[in-house]
Protein backbone atom coordinates (compact mmCIF):
# COMPACT_ATOMS: atom_id res chain seq x y z
CA MET A 1 -3.18 41.55 -57.56
CA ASN A 2 -3.56 45.30 -57.37
CA ASP A 3 -6.86 47.12 -56.77
CA PHE A 4 -6.09 50.76 -57.47
CA ASP A 5 -7.67 54.09 -58.39
CA ASP A 6 -7.32 55.79 -61.76
CA ASP A 7 -4.63 58.18 -60.54
CA ASP A 8 -2.29 55.47 -59.24
CA ASP A 9 0.87 55.33 -61.30
CA VAL A 10 0.73 51.70 -62.42
CA PHE A 11 -0.06 51.88 -66.13
CA ASP A 12 0.60 55.05 -68.10
CA GLU A 13 -2.10 56.96 -69.96
CA ILE A 14 -1.33 55.31 -73.29
CA ILE A 15 -1.96 51.82 -71.92
CA LEU A 16 -5.15 52.91 -70.17
CA ARG A 17 -6.41 54.46 -73.41
CA ARG A 18 -5.64 51.28 -75.30
CA LEU A 19 -7.56 49.25 -72.74
CA SER A 20 -10.48 51.69 -72.73
CA GLY A 21 -11.65 50.73 -76.18
CA ALA A 22 -11.93 54.40 -77.11
CA ASP A 23 -10.70 53.78 -80.66
CA LEU A 24 -12.66 50.61 -81.39
CA PRO A 25 -15.20 50.47 -84.24
CA GLU A 26 -18.84 50.09 -83.26
CA MET A 27 -20.53 46.75 -83.84
CA SER A 28 -23.90 47.10 -85.56
CA LEU A 29 -27.03 45.78 -83.87
CA ASP A 30 -27.50 43.07 -86.51
CA ALA A 31 -23.87 41.98 -86.13
CA TYR A 32 -24.26 41.97 -82.35
CA ARG A 33 -27.33 39.75 -82.56
CA ARG A 34 -25.42 37.35 -84.82
CA TRP A 35 -22.49 37.41 -82.38
CA ILE A 36 -24.71 36.28 -79.50
CA VAL A 37 -26.91 33.92 -81.54
CA ASP A 38 -25.80 30.87 -79.54
CA VAL A 39 -26.22 32.57 -76.16
CA GLU A 40 -29.21 31.74 -73.98
CA PRO A 41 -31.04 34.92 -72.96
CA PRO A 42 -30.67 35.64 -69.24
CA THR A 43 -33.64 34.67 -67.11
CA ASP A 44 -35.37 37.08 -64.76
CA ALA A 45 -33.77 35.24 -61.83
CA GLN A 46 -30.29 35.66 -63.37
CA ILE A 47 -30.95 39.36 -63.94
CA GLU A 48 -31.99 39.83 -60.32
CA ALA A 49 -28.93 37.91 -59.12
CA PHE A 50 -26.62 39.93 -61.36
CA ALA A 51 -28.00 43.20 -60.00
CA ASP A 52 -27.12 41.98 -56.48
CA TYR A 53 -23.66 40.93 -57.69
CA VAL A 54 -22.88 44.22 -59.44
CA ALA A 55 -23.92 46.22 -56.36
CA GLY A 56 -20.96 44.74 -54.48
CA ALA A 57 -18.59 43.88 -57.34
CA ARG A 58 -16.39 46.92 -56.71
CA SER A 59 -16.02 49.36 -53.83
CA TRP A 60 -18.59 51.72 -55.33
CA TYR A 61 -19.01 53.60 -52.06
CA LYS A 62 -15.42 54.80 -52.55
CA HIS A 63 -15.73 55.71 -56.23
CA LEU A 64 -19.28 56.87 -57.00
CA PRO A 65 -20.95 60.14 -55.99
CA LEU A 66 -23.77 60.26 -53.45
CA THR A 67 -25.80 62.73 -55.49
CA PRO A 68 -28.65 61.33 -57.60
CA LEU A 69 -27.28 61.95 -61.09
CA GLY A 70 -24.81 59.21 -60.23
CA THR A 71 -22.49 57.45 -62.67
CA PRO A 72 -23.38 55.59 -65.89
CA PHE A 73 -23.41 51.79 -65.78
CA GLN A 74 -23.74 49.61 -68.86
CA PHE A 75 -25.30 46.14 -69.02
CA TYR A 76 -24.91 43.87 -72.03
CA ILE A 77 -24.47 40.29 -73.21
CA ASP A 78 -20.95 38.94 -73.69
CA PRO A 79 -20.47 35.33 -74.87
CA TYR A 80 -17.14 35.34 -72.98
CA ALA A 81 -18.50 36.70 -69.70
CA GLY A 82 -16.94 35.06 -66.65
CA ARG A 83 -13.64 34.21 -68.34
CA ASP A 84 -10.19 35.59 -67.59
CA ARG A 85 -8.64 37.87 -70.19
CA VAL A 86 -4.89 37.41 -70.51
CA VAL A 87 -3.00 39.94 -72.64
CA LEU A 88 0.33 38.73 -74.01
CA ALA A 89 3.34 40.98 -74.58
CA SER A 90 2.57 40.78 -78.30
CA GLY A 91 -0.84 42.35 -77.72
CA GLU A 92 -2.74 39.14 -78.41
CA MET A 93 -5.39 38.09 -75.94
CA ARG A 94 -6.44 34.75 -74.55
CA LEU A 95 -9.89 34.16 -73.07
CA LEU A 96 -9.45 31.45 -70.44
CA GLU A 97 -11.97 29.47 -68.45
CA ARG A 98 -11.78 30.05 -64.71
CA THR A 99 -11.65 26.72 -62.92
CA ASN A 100 -11.12 25.59 -59.35
CA GLU A 101 -7.40 25.43 -60.17
CA THR A 102 -7.30 29.06 -61.34
CA ALA A 103 -5.88 31.56 -58.85
CA ALA A 104 -8.58 33.88 -57.50
CA PHE A 105 -7.61 37.53 -58.00
CA HIS A 106 -10.48 39.46 -56.40
CA TYR A 107 -13.22 39.02 -53.82
CA SER A 108 -15.81 38.98 -56.64
CA TRP A 109 -13.97 36.13 -58.40
CA MET A 110 -15.78 32.88 -59.23
CA THR A 111 -15.30 30.05 -61.69
CA THR A 112 -16.70 30.43 -65.18
CA ALA A 113 -19.13 27.58 -64.54
CA ASP A 114 -20.46 29.25 -61.39
CA TYR A 115 -20.71 32.61 -63.15
CA ARG A 116 -22.66 31.16 -66.08
CA GLU A 117 -25.03 29.28 -63.81
CA ARG A 118 -25.76 32.36 -61.72
CA PHE A 119 -25.73 35.08 -64.40
CA GLY A 120 -25.66 33.51 -67.84
CA CYS A 121 -23.62 35.74 -70.15
CA LEU A 122 -24.55 39.05 -68.52
CA ALA A 123 -21.74 41.60 -68.27
CA PHE A 124 -21.46 45.15 -66.99
CA ALA A 125 -19.20 48.15 -67.40
CA CYS A 126 -18.53 51.26 -65.32
CA GLY A 127 -15.57 53.57 -65.87
CA LYS A 128 -15.48 54.87 -62.29
CA GLY A 129 -14.52 51.74 -60.41
CA SER A 130 -11.03 50.58 -59.60
CA ALA A 131 -9.14 48.71 -62.29
CA LEU A 132 -7.93 45.20 -61.58
CA PHE A 133 -4.56 44.02 -62.78
CA GLU A 134 -2.58 40.92 -61.91
CA ASP A 135 0.83 39.79 -63.07
CA ALA A 136 0.67 36.26 -64.42
CA VAL A 137 2.81 33.80 -66.30
CA LEU A 138 1.49 32.17 -69.44
CA GLY A 139 4.16 31.62 -72.04
CA ASP A 140 5.73 34.95 -72.92
CA GLU A 141 5.24 37.30 -69.92
CA PRO A 142 1.52 38.00 -70.19
CA VAL A 143 -0.45 40.39 -68.03
CA LEU A 144 -3.89 39.35 -66.84
CA VAL A 145 -6.21 42.32 -67.15
CA ASP A 146 -9.79 42.38 -65.91
CA TYR A 147 -10.68 45.66 -67.60
CA ASN A 148 -13.90 44.79 -69.35
CA CYS A 149 -15.86 45.81 -66.24
CA ARG A 150 -14.64 49.36 -66.95
CA PHE A 151 -15.34 49.54 -70.68
CA PRO A 152 -17.76 47.36 -72.72
CA GLU A 153 -15.36 45.78 -75.21
CA LEU A 154 -16.61 42.98 -77.45
CA ARG A 155 -13.71 40.59 -78.06
CA ILE A 156 -14.37 39.04 -81.47
CA SER A 157 -10.93 37.42 -81.82
CA GLU A 158 -7.57 37.27 -80.08
CA THR A 159 -6.41 40.40 -81.93
CA ALA A 160 -9.65 42.29 -82.68
CA ALA A 161 -12.43 43.91 -80.68
CA GLU A 162 -15.37 46.22 -81.28
CA ARG A 163 -17.49 48.63 -79.28
CA LEU A 164 -21.00 47.88 -78.13
CA SER A 165 -23.87 48.56 -80.53
CA GLY A 166 -25.43 51.96 -79.92
CA GLU A 167 -28.89 50.43 -79.50
CA ILE A 168 -27.65 47.99 -76.86
CA ASP A 169 -25.63 50.74 -75.22
CA GLU A 170 -28.72 52.92 -74.86
CA ALA A 171 -31.09 50.16 -73.79
CA GLY A 172 -28.77 48.72 -71.15
CA ALA A 173 -27.77 51.99 -69.47
CA CYS A 174 -28.64 53.24 -66.01
CA ARG A 175 -27.04 55.51 -63.42
CA LEU A 176 -26.05 54.49 -59.91
CA THR A 177 -24.64 56.20 -56.83
CA ALA A 178 -22.45 55.21 -53.90
CA LEU A 179 -25.54 54.05 -52.01
CA VAL A 180 -25.84 51.01 -54.29
CA HIS A 181 -23.01 49.25 -52.41
CA PRO A 182 -23.77 47.06 -49.35
CA HIS A 183 -21.13 48.94 -47.34
CA ALA A 184 -22.94 52.22 -47.96
CA THR A 185 -24.86 51.91 -44.69
CA THR A 186 -26.58 54.61 -42.67
CA ASP A 187 -23.37 54.93 -40.61
CA PHE A 188 -21.44 55.56 -43.84
CA LEU A 189 -24.00 58.07 -45.07
CA VAL A 190 -24.06 60.02 -41.80
CA SER A 191 -20.26 60.16 -41.76
CA GLN A 192 -20.30 61.55 -45.31
CA LEU A 193 -22.98 64.09 -44.54
CA ALA A 194 -21.20 65.18 -41.35
CA SER A 195 -17.84 65.60 -43.09
CA ARG A 196 -19.01 68.20 -45.59
CA LYS A 197 -21.58 70.91 -46.09
CA TRP A 198 -24.71 69.75 -47.93
CA PRO A 199 -25.48 70.77 -50.49
CA PRO A 200 -21.87 71.59 -51.43
CA SER A 201 -21.29 75.17 -52.54
CA GLY A 202 -21.62 75.55 -56.28
CA GLN A 203 -23.49 72.29 -56.67
CA GLU A 204 -25.45 72.49 -59.92
CA GLU A 205 -27.11 69.11 -59.69
CA PRO A 206 -30.56 69.41 -58.07
CA ALA A 207 -31.47 67.27 -55.09
CA ILE A 208 -34.30 65.05 -56.30
CA GLY A 209 -36.07 61.86 -55.33
CA THR A 210 -34.99 60.01 -52.22
CA TRP A 211 -31.78 62.03 -52.05
CA ALA A 212 -33.80 65.22 -51.58
CA LEU A 213 -35.65 63.57 -48.69
CA ILE A 214 -32.35 62.44 -47.14
CA LEU A 215 -30.92 65.96 -47.33
CA GLU A 216 -34.10 67.41 -45.82
CA TRP A 217 -33.91 64.85 -43.00
CA TRP A 218 -30.28 65.81 -42.42
CA ARG A 219 -30.97 69.55 -42.45
CA LYS A 220 -33.79 69.29 -39.92
CA GLY A 221 -31.76 66.95 -37.72
CA GLN A 222 -28.79 69.29 -37.78
CA GLU A 223 -30.95 72.21 -36.72
CA ALA A 224 -32.29 70.20 -33.77
CA ARG A 225 -28.85 68.89 -32.80
CA ASN A 226 -27.30 72.35 -32.99
CA ALA A 227 -30.08 73.74 -30.80
CA GLU A 228 -29.51 71.04 -28.20
CA GLY A 229 -25.73 70.91 -28.52
CA GLU A 230 -25.71 67.27 -29.63
CA SER A 231 -23.56 65.45 -32.15
CA ALA A 232 -24.68 63.36 -35.09
CA SER A 233 -23.28 60.16 -33.55
CA HIS A 234 -26.66 58.47 -33.17
CA ALA A 235 -28.30 59.87 -36.30
CA SER A 236 -27.66 56.69 -38.27
CA ASP A 237 -30.09 54.80 -35.98
CA ASP A 238 -33.00 57.04 -36.94
CA PRO A 239 -35.70 54.78 -38.47
CA VAL A 240 -36.57 57.53 -40.95
CA LEU A 241 -33.04 57.46 -42.36
CA VAL A 242 -32.96 53.66 -42.34
CA SER A 243 -36.17 53.60 -44.38
CA LEU A 244 -34.93 56.22 -46.84
CA VAL A 245 -31.66 54.39 -47.47
CA GLU A 246 -33.52 51.12 -47.99
CA GLN A 247 -35.83 52.86 -50.46
CA GLU A 248 -32.87 54.28 -52.39
CA LYS A 249 -31.07 50.94 -52.54
CA ALA A 250 -34.27 49.30 -53.79
CA ARG A 251 -34.67 52.01 -56.45
CA GLN A 252 -31.14 51.48 -57.74
CA HIS A 253 -31.65 47.71 -57.76
CA ARG A 254 -34.77 48.24 -59.89
CA ALA A 255 -32.82 50.56 -62.19
CA MET A 256 -30.28 47.81 -62.88
CA VAL A 257 -32.94 45.15 -63.39
CA GLU A 258 -34.96 47.35 -65.76
CA ALA A 259 -31.82 48.24 -67.75
CA MET A 260 -31.00 44.55 -68.21
CA GLN A 261 -34.57 43.74 -69.18
CA ARG A 262 -34.57 46.54 -71.78
CA MET A 263 -31.24 45.34 -73.12
CA ARG A 264 -32.51 41.76 -73.26
CA SER A 265 -35.53 42.85 -75.29
CA VAL A 266 -33.33 44.59 -77.85
CA ALA A 267 -30.71 41.83 -77.99
CA PHE A 268 -33.24 38.97 -78.23
CA PRO A 269 -36.28 40.51 -79.96
CA GLY A 270 -37.77 37.14 -80.90
CA ALA A 271 -37.68 35.81 -77.35
CA PHE A 272 -38.81 38.90 -75.45
CA PRO A 273 -41.21 41.69 -76.46
CA GLN A 274 -39.84 45.18 -76.80
CA THR A 275 -40.23 47.10 -73.57
CA SER A 276 -42.08 50.38 -73.39
CA GLU A 277 -40.46 53.77 -73.42
CA ARG A 278 -37.67 54.18 -70.88
CA LYS A 279 -38.76 55.39 -67.46
CA ASP A 280 -37.01 58.17 -65.62
CA GLN A 281 -34.30 56.48 -63.57
CA GLN A 282 -34.54 59.12 -60.88
């Protein structure tokens, strides 16, 4: 199994474009609702659990920005969520159940049964994470590709796929930053702040919300440390910073949960009332 960044020379640009779903037709909302008609809507507990899972599903602290605009994430319902996707040399795809006999290919791996029990048929997509590829053998030299976490592709058959409905795409969207990941601790944050000048020169994105408070905390601390000739080595223990980081992680968790709840309301209008107008994620 390889866990690599976009610029690694593993698959060429043509293959990555094919896997991105950029040329797929869009599935209408009515067709999407028919496609998921046999799916049980995710419960609130499953939504909460999925938000926790997604926070650590990839090394987001390596791939996402710290600044509050963040990176788009997409949440949606996929009847095949939790299955392995095996692409054959012919281009056909097989959607296979993950069982206890299936080889685990990533730290976030789990059996299909476990996935469905914990998360139902919830799925997510983010184009900024690392892609996961694994060479496998199934008949005629297939390649196992776990790319659907990068692009929300709806696999309607072994040879055909469509893009997510625009209404679902909009309802299930939120933006996250590097601080969503469990490894994005105060130590990590201080090391990032100390390694560069904040705000970076030419930065157009305004510092807002908790991030603005973190930068103000850093600026004041730097002035005091410079005056006293101290380093930032113990800054990560400051209870003010600890509280701010906890607040930001909680905000991003809420952003994911609210996105999934909005999406659920649009996907299952008979089971859940439509939510009110979208709140500002920042």
